[in-house]
Amino acid sequence: MRVAGVQQRGDHEPIGTRDPGQRIDEPALAGALIESLDETIDEGAEALWVEEIGRRQRELDQGQVRTIPWSQARRAIQGG
């Protein structure tokens, strides 16, 4: 996909330079970025996540772990 304002080398190598007076078509750029994402599904990873989610759900159901409010978790993550 060609995006206005972004020069490209070949099909997948943006040069990253543009005429400073030229506007970038942001919606087209966003669309091009989304289309460039790898759409393959790693079945092994998917199965591992299903297993992990089940394990965590069992721990919650059996009272082995406790939940905390997001505000408290955020403070802990941010070191506060």
N, C-alpha and C. Protein backbone atom coordinates (compact mmCIF):
# COMPACT_ATOMS: atom_id res chain seq x y z
N MET A 1 0.85 -1.18 0.00
CA MET A 1 0.00 0.00 0.00
C MET A 1 0.89 1.23 0.00
N ARG A 2 0.57 2.16 -0.83
CA ARG A 2 1.31 3.42 -0.90
C ARG A 2 0.63 4.42 0.01
N VAL A 3 1.39 5.05 0.88
CA VAL A 3 0.86 6.05 1.81
C VAL A 3 1.41 7.40 1.43
N ALA A 4 0.52 8.36 1.21
CA ALA A 4 0.96 9.70 0.83
C ALA A 4 1.86 10.29 1.90
N GLY A 5 2.98 10.80 1.47
CA GLY A 5 3.89 11.46 2.40
C GLY A 5 4.94 10.55 2.98
N VAL A 6 4.91 9.27 2.64
CA VAL A 6 5.92 8.32 3.13
C VAL A 6 6.57 7.67 1.92
N GLN A 7 7.85 7.95 1.73
CA GLN A 7 8.57 7.34 0.62
C GLN A 7 8.89 5.91 0.98
N GLN A 8 8.88 5.04 -0.01
CA GLN A 8 9.15 3.63 0.25
C GLN A 8 10.20 3.09 -0.70
N ARG A 9 10.96 2.12 -0.21
CA ARG A 9 11.90 1.34 -1.01
C ARG A 9 11.28 -0.03 -1.18
N GLY A 10 11.03 -0.45 -2.37
CA GLY A 10 10.41 -1.76 -2.56
C GLY A 10 9.01 -1.76 -1.98
N ASP A 11 8.56 -2.92 -1.53
CA ASP A 11 7.20 -3.03 -1.00
C ASP A 11 7.12 -2.76 0.49
N HIS A 12 8.20 -3.01 1.25
CA HIS A 12 8.07 -2.99 2.69
C HIS A 12 9.10 -2.15 3.43
N GLU A 13 9.89 -1.35 2.76
CA GLU A 13 10.94 -0.61 3.44
C GLU A 13 10.72 0.89 3.34
N PRO A 14 10.01 1.50 4.28
CA PRO A 14 9.87 2.95 4.25
C PRO A 14 11.22 3.61 4.49
N ILE A 15 11.49 4.65 3.73
CA ILE A 15 12.74 5.39 3.91
C ILE A 15 12.66 6.25 5.17
N GLY A 16 11.45 6.74 5.47
CA GLY A 16 11.27 7.53 6.68
C GLY A 16 11.49 9.01 6.47
N THR A 17 11.77 9.43 5.26
CA THR A 17 11.93 10.85 4.99
C THR A 17 10.81 11.30 4.08
N ARG A 18 10.47 12.55 4.20
CA ARG A 18 9.42 13.11 3.34
C ARG A 18 9.65 14.60 3.22
N ASP A 19 9.00 15.17 2.26
CA ASP A 19 9.05 16.62 2.09
C ASP A 19 8.36 17.23 3.30
N PRO A 20 9.05 18.12 4.05
CA PRO A 20 8.46 18.69 5.27
C PRO A 20 7.12 19.38 5.04
N GLY A 21 6.87 19.85 3.83
CA GLY A 21 5.61 20.53 3.55
C GLY A 21 4.48 19.57 3.18
N GLN A 22 4.80 18.32 3.00
CA GLN A 22 3.80 17.34 2.58
C GLN A 22 3.16 16.68 3.80
N ARG A 23 1.83 16.65 3.83
CA ARG A 23 1.12 16.04 4.95
C ARG A 23 1.06 14.53 4.76
N ILE A 24 1.14 13.82 5.87
CA ILE A 24 0.99 12.37 5.84
C ILE A 24 -0.48 12.03 5.97
N ASP A 25 -0.94 11.11 5.14
CA ASP A 25 -2.31 10.63 5.21
C ASP A 25 -2.38 9.66 6.39
N GLU A 26 -2.69 10.18 7.59
CA GLU A 26 -2.64 9.38 8.81
C GLU A 26 -3.56 8.17 8.80
N PRO A 27 -4.81 8.31 8.34
CA PRO A 27 -5.66 7.11 8.30
C PRO A 27 -5.09 6.02 7.39
N ALA A 28 -4.53 6.43 6.25
CA ALA A 28 -3.93 5.43 5.35
C ALA A 28 -2.70 4.80 5.99
N LEU A 29 -1.91 5.60 6.70
CA LEU A 29 -0.73 5.08 7.37
C LEU A 29 -1.14 4.07 8.45
N ALA A 30 -2.16 4.41 9.23
CA ALA A 30 -2.65 3.50 10.27
C ALA A 30 -3.14 2.20 9.64
N GLY A 31 -3.86 2.31 8.54
CA GLY A 31 -4.35 1.12 7.85
C GLY A 31 -3.20 0.25 7.34
N ALA A 32 -2.17 0.90 6.79
CA ALA A 32 -1.02 0.16 6.29
C ALA A 32 -0.30 -0.56 7.42
N LEU A 33 -0.19 0.09 8.58
CA LEU A 33 0.47 -0.54 9.72
C LEU A 33 -0.32 -1.76 10.20
N ILE A 34 -1.63 -1.61 10.28
CA ILE A 34 -2.47 -2.73 10.73
C ILE A 34 -2.37 -3.90 9.74
N GLU A 35 -2.40 -3.59 8.45
CA GLU A 35 -2.31 -4.65 7.43
C GLU A 35 -0.96 -5.36 7.47
N SER A 36 0.07 -4.68 7.97
CA SER A 36 1.40 -5.27 7.98
C SER A 36 1.62 -6.23 9.14
N LEU A 37 0.69 -6.27 10.10
CA LEU A 37 0.84 -7.16 11.25
C LEU A 37 0.78 -8.62 10.81
N ASP A 38 1.52 -9.43 11.50
CA ASP A 38 1.53 -10.86 11.23
C ASP A 38 0.20 -11.45 11.67
N GLU A 39 -0.51 -12.06 10.75
CA GLU A 39 -1.83 -12.59 11.06
C GLU A 39 -1.81 -14.09 11.38
N THR A 40 -0.63 -14.70 11.37
CA THR A 40 -0.58 -16.13 11.66
C THR A 40 -0.88 -16.36 13.13
N ILE A 41 -1.57 -17.44 13.40
CA ILE A 41 -1.91 -17.81 14.77
C ILE A 41 -1.01 -18.96 15.19
N ASP A 42 -0.32 -18.76 16.28
CA ASP A 42 0.54 -19.82 16.82
C ASP A 42 -0.34 -20.71 17.68
N GLU A 43 -0.72 -21.86 17.13
CA GLU A 43 -1.63 -22.76 17.84
C GLU A 43 -1.04 -23.21 19.18
N GLY A 44 0.27 -23.42 19.23
CA GLY A 44 0.91 -23.82 20.48
C GLY A 44 0.76 -22.76 21.55
N ALA A 45 0.97 -21.50 21.16
CA ALA A 45 0.83 -20.40 22.12
C ALA A 45 -0.62 -20.26 22.56
N GLU A 46 -1.53 -20.42 21.62
CA GLU A 46 -2.96 -20.33 21.94
C GLU A 46 -3.34 -21.39 22.97
N ALA A 47 -2.87 -22.61 22.78
CA ALA A 47 -3.17 -23.70 23.72
C ALA A 47 -2.57 -23.41 25.09
N LEU A 48 -1.36 -22.87 25.11
CA LEU A 48 -0.72 -22.54 26.39
C LEU A 48 -1.49 -21.46 27.14
N TRP A 49 -2.00 -20.45 26.40
CA TRP A 49 -2.78 -19.39 27.06
C TRP A 49 -4.09 -19.95 27.62
N VAL A 50 -4.74 -20.84 26.89
CA VAL A 50 -5.98 -21.46 27.38
C VAL A 50 -5.69 -22.21 28.68
N GLU A 51 -4.58 -22.94 28.69
CA GLU A 51 -4.18 -23.68 29.89
C GLU A 51 -3.89 -22.72 31.06
N GLU A 52 -3.18 -21.64 30.79
CA GLU A 52 -2.83 -20.67 31.83
C GLU A 52 -4.08 -19.99 32.38
N ILE A 53 -5.00 -19.64 31.52
CA ILE A 53 -6.25 -19.00 31.96
C ILE A 53 -7.03 -19.97 32.85
N GLY A 54 -7.09 -21.23 32.46
CA GLY A 54 -7.77 -22.24 33.28
C GLY A 54 -7.13 -22.38 34.65
N ARG A 55 -5.80 -22.41 34.68
CA ARG A 55 -5.08 -22.53 35.94
C ARG A 55 -5.38 -21.34 36.85
N ARG A 56 -5.34 -20.15 36.28
CA ARG A 56 -5.61 -18.95 37.10
C ARG A 56 -7.05 -18.94 37.60
N GLN A 57 -7.99 -19.37 36.77
CA GLN A 57 -9.39 -19.42 37.18
C GLN A 57 -9.58 -20.41 38.33
N ARG A 58 -8.94 -21.57 38.24
CA ARG A 58 -9.02 -22.56 39.33
C ARG A 58 -8.45 -22.00 40.62
N GLU A 59 -7.31 -21.31 40.54
CA GLU A 59 -6.71 -20.71 41.74
C GLU A 59 -7.67 -19.71 42.38
N LEU A 60 -8.34 -18.91 41.56
CA LEU A 60 -9.32 -17.95 42.10
C LEU A 60 -10.49 -18.69 42.74
N ASP A 61 -11.03 -19.68 42.02
CA ASP A 61 -12.19 -20.43 42.50
C ASP A 61 -11.89 -21.16 43.81
N GLN A 62 -10.68 -21.65 43.98
CA GLN A 62 -10.30 -22.42 45.16
C GLN A 62 -9.76 -21.53 46.29
N GLY A 63 -9.74 -20.22 46.07
CA GLY A 63 -9.28 -19.30 47.10
C GLY A 63 -7.78 -19.33 47.34
N GLN A 64 -7.02 -19.83 46.38
CA GLN A 64 -5.57 -19.90 46.53
C GLN A 64 -4.89 -18.54 46.31
N VAL A 65 -5.56 -17.67 45.61
CA VAL A 65 -5.05 -16.32 45.37
C VAL A 65 -6.17 -15.33 45.67
N ARG A 66 -5.79 -14.11 45.90
CA ARG A 66 -6.82 -13.08 46.13
C ARG A 66 -6.63 -11.97 45.11
N THR A 67 -7.70 -11.32 44.80
CA THR A 67 -7.64 -10.21 43.86
C THR A 67 -7.45 -8.91 44.64
N ILE A 68 -6.96 -7.91 43.94
CA ILE A 68 -6.84 -6.58 44.54
C ILE A 68 -7.43 -5.57 43.55
N PRO A 69 -7.88 -4.43 44.03
CA PRO A 69 -8.42 -3.42 43.13
C PRO A 69 -7.35 -2.91 42.16
N TRP A 70 -7.78 -2.50 40.96
CA TRP A 70 -6.86 -1.98 39.95
C TRP A 70 -6.05 -0.81 40.49
N SER A 71 -6.67 0.06 41.26
CA SER A 71 -5.94 1.23 41.78
C SER A 71 -4.75 0.78 42.64
N GLN A 72 -4.92 -0.27 43.42
CA GLN A 72 -3.84 -0.79 44.24
C GLN A 72 -2.77 -1.46 43.37
N ALA A 73 -3.20 -2.22 42.38
CA ALA A 73 -2.25 -2.88 41.48
C ALA A 73 -1.42 -1.84 40.72
N ARG A 74 -2.10 -0.79 40.24
CA ARG A 74 -1.41 0.28 39.50
C ARG A 74 -0.34 0.94 40.37
N ARG A 75 -0.68 1.21 41.63
CA ARG A 75 0.30 1.82 42.54
C ARG A 75 1.50 0.89 42.72
N ALA A 76 1.24 -0.41 42.87
CA ALA A 76 2.33 -1.36 43.06
C ALA A 76 3.21 -1.43 41.80
N ILE A 77 2.59 -1.41 40.64
CA ILE A 77 3.34 -1.45 39.37
C ILE A 77 4.20 -0.21 39.22
N GLN A 78 3.66 0.93 39.60
CA GLN A 78 4.36 2.20 39.44
C GLN A 78 5.35 2.47 40.57
N GLY A 79 5.43 1.54 41.49
CA GLY A 79 6.41 1.67 42.59
C GLY A 79 5.96 2.61 43.69
N GLY A 80 4.66 2.83 43.80
CA GLY A 80 4.15 3.78 44.80
C GLY A 80 3.52 3.18 45.94
